[in-house]
């Protein structure tokens, strides 16, 4: 009864993050990953595209977020809460900043 659409092909995108604002980049990528820009979008199916982001270290933020934005993680041990500013995390793991921003914009379900 249901006919598969011929446009189920996933596209690959190569995005250069050099000079782009973090939130605007994350919004664009989240929409592409979910497939919300496609006609056949349905929340229960995986229709999104594949994305590769380069130059994550050169992404920019507005205001004083470099010093004021704090990322938290826990080691799992008692008293193991760790904090790290955006500036420190950008030096250590620049791709983690973009990953966390995008993950926060994606739906929290099983898909």
Protein backbone atom coordinates (compact mmCIF):
# COMPACT_ATOMS: atom_id res chain seq x y z
CA UNK A 1 0.00 0.00 0.00
CA UNK A 2 2.79 2.43 0.90
CA UNK A 3 5.18 3.33 -1.85
CA UNK A 4 8.76 4.25 -1.00
CA UNK A 5 9.73 7.63 -2.34
CA UNK A 6 12.68 7.78 -4.70
CA UNK A 7 14.19 10.75 -2.85
CA UNK A 8 15.34 8.78 0.20
CA UNK A 9 18.98 9.31 -0.74
CA UNK A 10 21.11 10.94 1.95
CA UNK A 11 23.32 13.83 0.89
CA UNK A 12 26.75 14.64 2.31
CA UNK A 13 27.57 18.20 3.38
CA UNK A 14 31.03 19.62 4.10
CA UNK A 15 30.68 22.72 6.29
CA UNK A 16 33.49 25.14 7.06
CA UNK A 17 32.98 26.57 10.56
CA UNK A 18 35.60 29.31 10.10
CA UNK A 19 34.08 32.62 11.24
CA UNK A 20 30.55 31.27 11.74
CA UNK A 21 28.59 31.90 14.92
CA UNK A 22 28.20 28.78 17.06
CA UNK A 23 24.43 28.90 17.57
CA UNK A 24 23.58 29.66 13.97
CA UNK A 25 25.86 26.89 12.73
CA UNK A 26 24.37 24.41 15.21
CA UNK A 27 20.83 25.32 14.17
CA UNK A 28 21.62 24.78 10.49
CA UNK A 29 23.30 21.44 11.15
CA UNK A 30 20.52 20.20 13.46
CA UNK A 31 17.87 20.93 10.84
CA UNK A 32 19.87 19.07 8.17
CA UNK A 33 20.47 16.08 10.49
CA UNK A 34 16.75 15.80 11.26
CA UNK A 35 15.76 16.29 7.62
CA UNK A 36 13.34 19.11 8.41
CA UNK A 37 14.13 20.86 5.15
CA UNK A 38 12.80 17.92 3.09
CA UNK A 39 9.28 17.41 1.85
CA UNK A 40 9.15 13.85 3.19
CA UNK A 41 10.02 14.85 6.79
CA UNK A 42 8.36 12.76 9.49
CA UNK A 43 9.55 12.79 13.11
CA UNK A 44 9.54 8.98 13.44
CA UNK A 45 11.88 8.22 10.53
CA UNK A 46 15.51 9.00 9.80
CA UNK A 47 15.45 11.26 6.75
CA UNK A 48 18.40 13.48 7.65
CA UNK A 49 21.63 14.04 5.76
CA UNK A 50 25.25 13.40 6.72
CA UNK A 51 27.45 16.33 7.71
CA UNK A 52 31.19 16.87 8.16
CA UNK A 53 32.35 20.05 9.89
CA UNK A 54 35.89 21.36 9.45
CA UNK A 55 37.75 24.20 11.23
CA UNK A 56 35.82 23.74 14.49
CA UNK A 57 38.50 25.66 16.37
CA UNK A 58 37.74 28.83 14.38
CA UNK A 59 34.04 29.03 15.29
CA UNK A 60 33.15 32.33 16.93
CA UNK A 61 30.83 33.24 19.77
CA UNK A 62 29.23 36.54 20.68
CA UNK A 63 29.59 38.51 23.87
CA UNK A 64 31.77 37.22 26.71
CA UNK A 65 30.89 33.56 26.23
CA UNK A 66 34.54 32.56 25.89
CA UNK A 67 35.12 33.28 29.57
CA UNK A 68 31.59 33.05 31.03
CA UNK A 69 30.10 29.91 29.42
CA UNK A 70 30.87 26.88 31.57
CA UNK A 71 30.67 23.23 30.50
CA UNK A 72 30.12 20.65 33.25
CA UNK A 73 30.96 16.96 33.29
CA UNK A 74 31.25 14.37 36.02
CA UNK A 75 33.89 11.68 36.44
CA UNK A 76 31.48 9.36 38.23
CA UNK A 77 33.44 9.46 41.47
CA UNK A 78 32.30 11.25 44.64
CA UNK A 79 33.15 14.93 44.30
CA UNK A 80 34.03 14.43 40.64
CA UNK A 81 32.16 17.38 39.13
CA UNK A 82 34.47 19.12 36.68
CA UNK A 83 34.01 22.53 35.09
CA UNK A 84 35.64 24.00 32.03
CA UNK A 85 35.13 27.33 30.27
CA UNK A 86 34.45 27.58 26.56
CA UNK A 87 37.92 29.05 26.02
CA UNK A 88 39.64 26.09 27.74
CA UNK A 89 37.49 23.51 25.93
CA UNK A 90 38.19 25.18 22.59
CA UNK A 91 41.92 24.68 23.13
CA UNK A 92 41.56 21.08 24.33
CA UNK A 93 38.71 19.63 22.21
CA UNK A 94 37.30 22.17 19.74
CA UNK A 95 34.86 19.73 18.12
CA UNK A 96 33.17 19.01 21.48
CA UNK A 97 31.74 22.57 21.57
CA UNK A 98 29.90 22.10 18.29
CA UNK A 99 28.81 18.55 19.19
CA UNK A 100 27.24 19.70 22.47
CA UNK A 101 25.47 22.63 20.79
CA UNK A 102 24.00 20.40 18.07
CA UNK A 103 23.08 17.58 20.46
CA UNK A 104 21.11 20.05 22.59
CA UNK A 105 19.04 21.01 19.54
CA UNK A 106 18.19 17.47 18.44
CA UNK A 107 15.11 15.60 19.72
CA UNK A 108 15.73 13.51 22.82
CA UNK A 109 13.94 10.37 21.58
CA UNK A 110 15.32 7.01 20.48
CA UNK A 111 15.83 8.06 16.87
